[in-house]
């Protein structure tokens, strides 16, 4: 599998895990109640985080950390922002759009510096 596709899958797993964690926490997580930890949202988010971790290991084993980590982090920030708007119905204001644009420009610059 191409390395960029593995990285994209890792990012999608990470973004999905964070959205599911947010959904799981909306009812409130009670540390004294085991049922709080058994929701399908929370269990699925843990599984997706694990998968993201394994895929990220694969990416990092085959690429420069100084390139792969910032690229994946940038894609994760963008993915979380877009998922927050689409799934959680958060607002996308001009400041967030400007932030996404800056991240995209940074990703483009980093991607061009790959050997």
N, C-alpha and C. Protein backbone atom coordinates (compact mmCIF):
# COMPACT_ATOMS: atom_id res chain seq x y z
N UNK A 1 0.84 -1.17 0.00
CA UNK A 1 0.00 0.00 0.00
C UNK A 1 0.89 1.24 0.00
N UNK A 2 0.51 2.21 -0.78
CA UNK A 2 1.32 3.43 -0.84
C UNK A 2 1.34 4.13 0.51
N UNK A 3 2.47 4.73 0.81
CA UNK A 3 2.68 5.36 2.10
C UNK A 3 1.68 6.49 2.36
N UNK A 4 1.36 7.27 1.36
CA UNK A 4 0.42 8.38 1.56
C UNK A 4 -0.97 7.88 1.88
N UNK A 5 -1.33 6.70 1.33
CA UNK A 5 -2.64 6.11 1.61
C UNK A 5 -2.69 5.59 3.05
N UNK A 6 -1.59 5.02 3.51
CA UNK A 6 -1.51 4.57 4.91
C UNK A 6 -1.62 5.77 5.84
N UNK A 7 -0.93 6.86 5.50
CA UNK A 7 -0.99 8.07 6.31
C UNK A 7 -2.41 8.63 6.35
N UNK A 8 -3.08 8.64 5.21
CA UNK A 8 -4.45 9.13 5.15
C UNK A 8 -5.38 8.26 6.00
N UNK A 9 -5.20 6.96 5.95
CA UNK A 9 -6.00 6.05 6.78
C UNK A 9 -5.75 6.30 8.26
N UNK A 10 -4.49 6.53 8.63
CA UNK A 10 -4.16 6.83 10.03
C UNK A 10 -4.85 8.11 10.48
N UNK A 11 -4.82 9.12 9.63
CA UNK A 11 -5.46 10.39 9.96
C UNK A 11 -6.97 10.22 10.08
N UNK A 12 -7.59 9.50 9.15
CA UNK A 12 -9.03 9.28 9.20
C UNK A 12 -9.44 8.51 10.45
N UNK A 13 -8.63 7.53 10.85
CA UNK A 13 -8.90 6.79 12.08
C UNK A 13 -8.81 7.72 13.29
N UNK A 14 -7.79 8.57 13.30
CA UNK A 14 -7.60 9.51 14.41
C UNK A 14 -8.77 10.50 14.50
N UNK A 15 -9.15 11.07 13.38
CA UNK A 15 -10.25 12.03 13.35
C UNK A 15 -11.55 11.36 13.79
N UNK A 16 -11.82 10.18 13.26
CA UNK A 16 -13.03 9.45 13.63
C UNK A 16 -13.05 9.13 15.11
N UNK A 17 -11.90 8.72 15.64
CA UNK A 17 -11.81 8.41 17.07
C UNK A 17 -12.13 9.63 17.92
N UNK A 18 -11.61 10.79 17.53
CA UNK A 18 -11.86 11.99 18.32
C UNK A 18 -13.32 12.43 18.26
N UNK A 19 -13.94 12.30 17.08
CA UNK A 19 -15.35 12.65 16.95
C UNK A 19 -16.20 11.70 17.80
N UNK A 20 -15.88 10.41 17.74
CA UNK A 20 -16.63 9.44 18.54
C UNK A 20 -16.43 9.68 20.04
N UNK A 21 -15.23 10.07 20.43
CA UNK A 21 -14.98 10.38 21.83
C UNK A 21 -15.82 11.58 22.27
N UNK A 22 -15.92 12.58 21.41
CA UNK A 22 -16.76 13.74 21.71
C UNK A 22 -18.22 13.32 21.85
N UNK A 23 -18.70 12.49 20.93
CA UNK A 23 -20.07 12.01 21.01
C UNK A 23 -20.30 11.20 22.29
N UNK A 24 -19.33 10.39 22.66
CA UNK A 24 -19.46 9.59 23.88
C UNK A 24 -19.49 10.47 25.12
N UNK A 25 -18.80 11.59 25.08
CA UNK A 25 -18.71 12.44 26.26
C UNK A 25 -19.87 13.41 26.40
N UNK A 26 -20.71 13.52 25.40
CA UNK A 26 -21.80 14.49 25.46
C UNK A 26 -22.80 14.19 26.57
N UNK A 27 -22.93 12.92 26.91
CA UNK A 27 -23.82 12.57 28.02
C UNK A 27 -23.12 12.67 29.36
N UNK A 28 -21.84 13.00 29.34
CA UNK A 28 -21.06 13.08 30.57
C UNK A 28 -20.45 11.73 30.90
N UNK A 29 -19.20 11.72 31.23
CA UNK A 29 -18.51 10.48 31.59
C UNK A 29 -18.32 10.48 33.10
N UNK A 30 -18.87 9.47 33.74
CA UNK A 30 -18.74 9.33 35.18
C UNK A 30 -17.69 8.27 35.47
N UNK A 31 -16.61 8.68 36.14
CA UNK A 31 -15.53 7.75 36.40
C UNK A 31 -15.93 6.66 37.39
N UNK A 32 -16.99 6.88 38.13
CA UNK A 32 -17.43 5.87 39.11
C UNK A 32 -18.35 4.82 38.48
N UNK A 33 -18.87 5.11 37.30
CA UNK A 33 -19.82 4.20 36.66
C UNK A 33 -19.16 3.51 35.47
N UNK A 34 -19.07 2.20 35.53
CA UNK A 34 -18.45 1.42 34.46
C UNK A 34 -19.22 1.55 33.14
N UNK A 35 -20.52 1.76 33.23
CA UNK A 35 -21.34 1.87 32.01
C UNK A 35 -20.89 3.05 31.15
N UNK A 36 -20.30 4.09 31.75
CA UNK A 36 -19.80 5.23 30.99
C UNK A 36 -18.70 4.82 30.03
N UNK A 37 -17.97 3.79 30.37
CA UNK A 37 -16.85 3.35 29.55
C UNK A 37 -17.24 2.26 28.55
N UNK A 38 -18.49 1.85 28.57
CA UNK A 38 -18.91 0.75 27.71
C UNK A 38 -19.80 1.19 26.54
N UNK A 39 -19.88 2.48 26.29
CA UNK A 39 -20.68 2.94 25.15
C UNK A 39 -19.96 2.54 23.86
N UNK A 40 -20.74 2.29 22.83
CA UNK A 40 -20.12 1.88 21.56
C UNK A 40 -19.28 3.00 20.97
N UNK A 41 -19.66 4.25 21.24
CA UNK A 41 -18.85 5.38 20.76
C UNK A 41 -17.44 5.32 21.35
N UNK A 42 -17.38 5.11 22.66
CA UNK A 42 -16.08 5.13 23.33
C UNK A 42 -15.24 3.92 22.98
N UNK A 43 -15.85 2.75 22.94
CA UNK A 43 -15.11 1.53 22.60
C UNK A 43 -14.57 1.62 21.17
N UNK A 44 -15.40 2.10 20.25
CA UNK A 44 -14.97 2.25 18.86
C UNK A 44 -13.85 3.28 18.74
N UNK A 45 -13.93 4.35 19.53
CA UNK A 45 -12.86 5.36 19.46
C UNK A 45 -11.54 4.79 19.93
N UNK A 46 -11.56 3.96 20.95
CA UNK A 46 -10.31 3.33 21.43
C UNK A 46 -9.73 2.41 20.35
N UNK A 47 -10.58 1.66 19.69
CA UNK A 47 -10.13 0.76 18.62
C UNK A 47 -9.53 1.57 17.47
N UNK A 48 -10.20 2.66 17.10
CA UNK A 48 -9.70 3.50 16.01
C UNK A 48 -8.39 4.19 16.37
N UNK A 49 -8.26 4.61 17.63
CA UNK A 49 -6.99 5.19 18.08
C UNK A 49 -5.86 4.15 17.97
N UNK A 50 -6.16 2.92 18.37
CA UNK A 50 -5.16 1.85 18.26
C UNK A 50 -4.75 1.62 16.82
N UNK A 51 -5.72 1.57 15.93
CA UNK A 51 -5.43 1.38 14.51
C UNK A 51 -4.64 2.56 13.95
N UNK A 52 -5.01 3.76 14.35
CA UNK A 52 -4.27 4.95 13.93
C UNK A 52 -2.82 4.88 14.41
N UNK A 53 -2.62 4.44 15.63
CA UNK A 53 -1.27 4.29 16.19
C UNK A 53 -0.45 3.33 15.35
N UNK A 54 -1.02 2.17 15.02
CA UNK A 54 -0.28 1.17 14.24
C UNK A 54 0.03 1.67 12.83
N UNK A 55 -0.93 2.34 12.22
CA UNK A 55 -0.70 2.88 10.87
C UNK A 55 0.35 3.99 10.91
N UNK A 56 0.32 4.82 11.95
CA UNK A 56 1.31 5.87 12.09
C UNK A 56 2.70 5.29 12.26
N UNK A 57 2.82 4.21 13.02
CA UNK A 57 4.11 3.53 13.15
C UNK A 57 4.64 3.10 11.78
N UNK A 58 3.75 2.57 10.96
CA UNK A 58 4.14 2.13 9.62
C UNK A 58 4.65 3.31 8.79
N UNK A 59 3.94 4.42 8.86
CA UNK A 59 4.34 5.61 8.11
C UNK A 59 5.69 6.11 8.60
N UNK A 60 5.85 6.22 9.91
CA UNK A 60 7.09 6.75 10.46
C UNK A 60 8.28 5.83 10.21
N UNK A 61 8.02 4.54 10.07
CA UNK A 61 9.12 3.62 9.81
C UNK A 61 9.68 3.77 8.40
N UNK A 62 8.91 4.40 7.52
CA UNK A 62 9.32 4.52 6.13
C UNK A 62 9.53 5.96 5.66
N UNK A 63 9.44 6.92 6.58
CA UNK A 63 9.59 8.31 6.15
C UNK A 63 10.27 9.13 7.24
N UNK A 64 10.66 10.32 6.89
CA UNK A 64 11.32 11.22 7.83
C UNK A 64 10.30 11.74 8.84
N UNK A 65 10.64 11.67 10.10
CA UNK A 65 9.76 12.16 11.16
C UNK A 65 9.45 13.64 10.98
N UNK A 66 10.44 14.41 10.58
CA UNK A 66 10.28 15.86 10.44
C UNK A 66 9.30 16.24 9.32
N UNK A 67 9.01 15.30 8.44
CA UNK A 67 8.04 15.55 7.36
C UNK A 67 6.71 14.89 7.69
N UNK A 68 6.75 13.60 8.02
CA UNK A 68 5.51 12.83 8.20
C UNK A 68 4.67 13.33 9.37
N UNK A 69 5.29 13.60 10.50
CA UNK A 69 4.53 14.00 11.67
C UNK A 69 3.80 15.33 11.48
N UNK A 70 4.48 16.38 11.01
CA UNK A 70 3.74 17.63 10.78
C UNK A 70 2.66 17.50 9.71
N UNK A 71 2.93 16.74 8.66
CA UNK A 71 1.91 16.56 7.61
C UNK A 71 0.67 15.87 8.16
N UNK A 72 0.88 14.81 8.93
CA UNK A 72 -0.25 14.07 9.49
C UNK A 72 -0.98 14.90 10.54
N UNK A 73 -0.23 15.67 11.33
CA UNK A 73 -0.87 16.53 12.33
C UNK A 73 -1.73 17.60 11.65
N UNK A 74 -1.20 18.19 10.59
CA UNK A 74 -1.96 19.19 9.85
C UNK A 74 -3.23 18.62 9.24
N UNK A 75 -3.10 17.44 8.65
CA UNK A 75 -4.28 16.79 8.07
C UNK A 75 -5.29 16.45 9.16
N UNK A 76 -4.81 16.07 10.34
CA UNK A 76 -5.70 15.75 11.45
C UNK A 76 -6.44 17.00 11.91
N UNK A 77 -5.74 18.14 12.03
CA UNK A 77 -6.40 19.39 12.43
C UNK A 77 -7.49 19.76 11.43
N UNK A 78 -7.19 19.65 10.16
CA UNK A 78 -8.18 19.98 9.13
C UNK A 78 -9.35 19.02 9.20
N UNK A 79 -9.06 17.73 9.32
CA UNK A 79 -10.11 16.72 9.39
C UNK A 79 -11.03 16.91 10.58
N UNK A 80 -10.45 17.24 11.73
CA UNK A 80 -11.26 17.45 12.93
C UNK A 80 -12.15 18.68 12.76
N UNK A 81 -11.60 19.74 12.18
CA UNK A 81 -12.40 20.94 11.97
C UNK A 81 -13.58 20.65 11.05
N UNK A 82 -13.31 19.98 9.93
CA UNK A 82 -14.39 19.67 8.99
C UNK A 82 -15.41 18.70 9.59
N UNK A 83 -14.95 17.68 10.30
CA UNK A 83 -15.86 16.73 10.94
C UNK A 83 -16.70 17.42 12.02
N UNK A 84 -16.10 18.35 12.72
CA UNK A 84 -16.83 19.09 13.75
C UNK A 84 -17.98 19.89 13.15
N UNK A 85 -17.73 20.44 11.97
CA UNK A 85 -18.77 21.21 11.29
C UNK A 85 -19.86 20.28 10.76
N UNK A 86 -19.46 19.21 10.08
CA UNK A 86 -20.43 18.33 9.42
C UNK A 86 -21.19 17.44 10.39
N UNK A 87 -20.49 16.90 11.37
CA UNK A 87 -21.12 15.91 12.25
C UNK A 87 -21.64 16.53 13.54
N UNK A 88 -20.85 17.42 14.14
CA UNK A 88 -21.22 17.99 15.42
C UNK A 88 -21.92 19.35 15.29
N UNK A 89 -22.05 19.82 14.05
CA UNK A 89 -22.74 21.07 13.74
C UNK A 89 -22.13 22.28 14.44
N UNK A 90 -20.80 22.27 14.55
CA UNK A 90 -20.09 23.43 15.06
C UNK A 90 -19.98 24.45 13.94
N UNK A 91 -19.71 25.69 14.29
CA UNK A 91 -19.64 26.75 13.28
C UNK A 91 -18.25 26.80 12.64
N UNK A 92 -18.25 27.19 11.38
CA UNK A 92 -17.00 27.38 10.63
C UNK A 92 -16.92 28.87 10.29
N UNK A 93 -16.22 29.62 11.13
CA UNK A 93 -16.12 31.05 10.90
C UNK A 93 -14.88 31.38 10.09
N UNK A 94 -14.70 32.65 9.80
CA UNK A 94 -13.59 33.10 8.97
C UNK A 94 -12.24 32.77 9.60
N UNK A 95 -12.15 32.88 10.90
CA UNK A 95 -10.88 32.60 11.58
C UNK A 95 -10.49 31.12 11.41
N UNK A 96 -11.44 30.21 11.52
CA UNK A 96 -11.15 28.79 11.33
C UNK A 96 -10.76 28.51 9.87
N UNK A 97 -11.47 29.16 8.94
CA UNK A 97 -11.14 28.97 7.53
C UNK A 97 -9.74 29.48 7.22
N UNK A 98 -9.37 30.61 7.81
CA UNK A 98 -8.03 31.15 7.63
C UNK A 98 -6.99 30.19 8.22
N UNK A 99 -7.30 29.63 9.38
CA UNK A 99 -6.39 28.65 9.99
C UNK A 99 -6.19 27.43 9.10
N UNK A 100 -7.28 26.94 8.51
CA UNK A 100 -7.19 25.80 7.60
C UNK A 100 -6.33 26.17 6.39
N UNK A 101 -6.52 27.36 5.85
CA UNK A 101 -5.73 27.80 4.71
C UNK A 101 -4.24 27.84 5.05
N UNK A 102 -3.90 28.35 6.23
CA UNK A 102 -2.50 28.40 6.65
C UNK A 102 -1.93 26.99 6.78
N UNK A 103 -2.72 26.08 7.35
CA UNK A 103 -2.27 24.69 7.49
C UNK A 103 -2.06 24.06 6.11
N UNK A 104 -2.99 24.28 5.19
CA UNK A 104 -2.86 23.72 3.84
C UNK A 104 -1.61 24.25 3.16
N UNK A 105 -1.35 25.53 3.31
CA UNK A 105 -0.13 26.11 2.72
C UNK A 105 1.11 25.46 3.35
N UNK A 106 1.09 25.28 4.66
CA UNK A 106 2.20 24.62 5.35
C UNK A 106 2.40 23.18 4.88
N UNK A 107 1.30 22.45 4.70
CA UNK A 107 1.37 21.08 4.21
C UNK A 107 1.97 21.06 2.80
N UNK A 108 1.54 21.99 1.96
CA UNK A 108 2.06 22.07 0.61
C UNK A 108 3.57 22.32 0.62
N UNK A 109 4.01 23.26 1.45
CA UNK A 109 5.44 23.57 1.53
C UNK A 109 6.22 22.36 2.04
N UNK A 110 5.72 21.70 3.09
CA UNK A 110 6.40 20.52 3.61
C UNK A 110 6.45 19.39 2.59
N UNK A 111 5.34 19.17 1.91
CA UNK A 111 5.27 18.08 0.93
C UNK A 111 6.27 18.29 -0.21
N UNK A 112 6.50 19.53 -0.58
CA UNK A 112 7.46 19.82 -1.65
C UNK A 112 8.89 19.60 -1.21
N UNK A 113 9.13 19.57 0.09
CA UNK A 113 10.51 19.40 0.58
C UNK A 113 10.89 17.94 0.77
N UNK A 114 9.95 17.02 0.48
CA UNK A 114 10.28 15.60 0.65
C UNK A 114 11.30 15.17 -0.39
N UNK A 115 12.24 14.34 0.03
CA UNK A 115 13.30 13.89 -0.90
C UNK A 115 12.78 12.92 -1.95
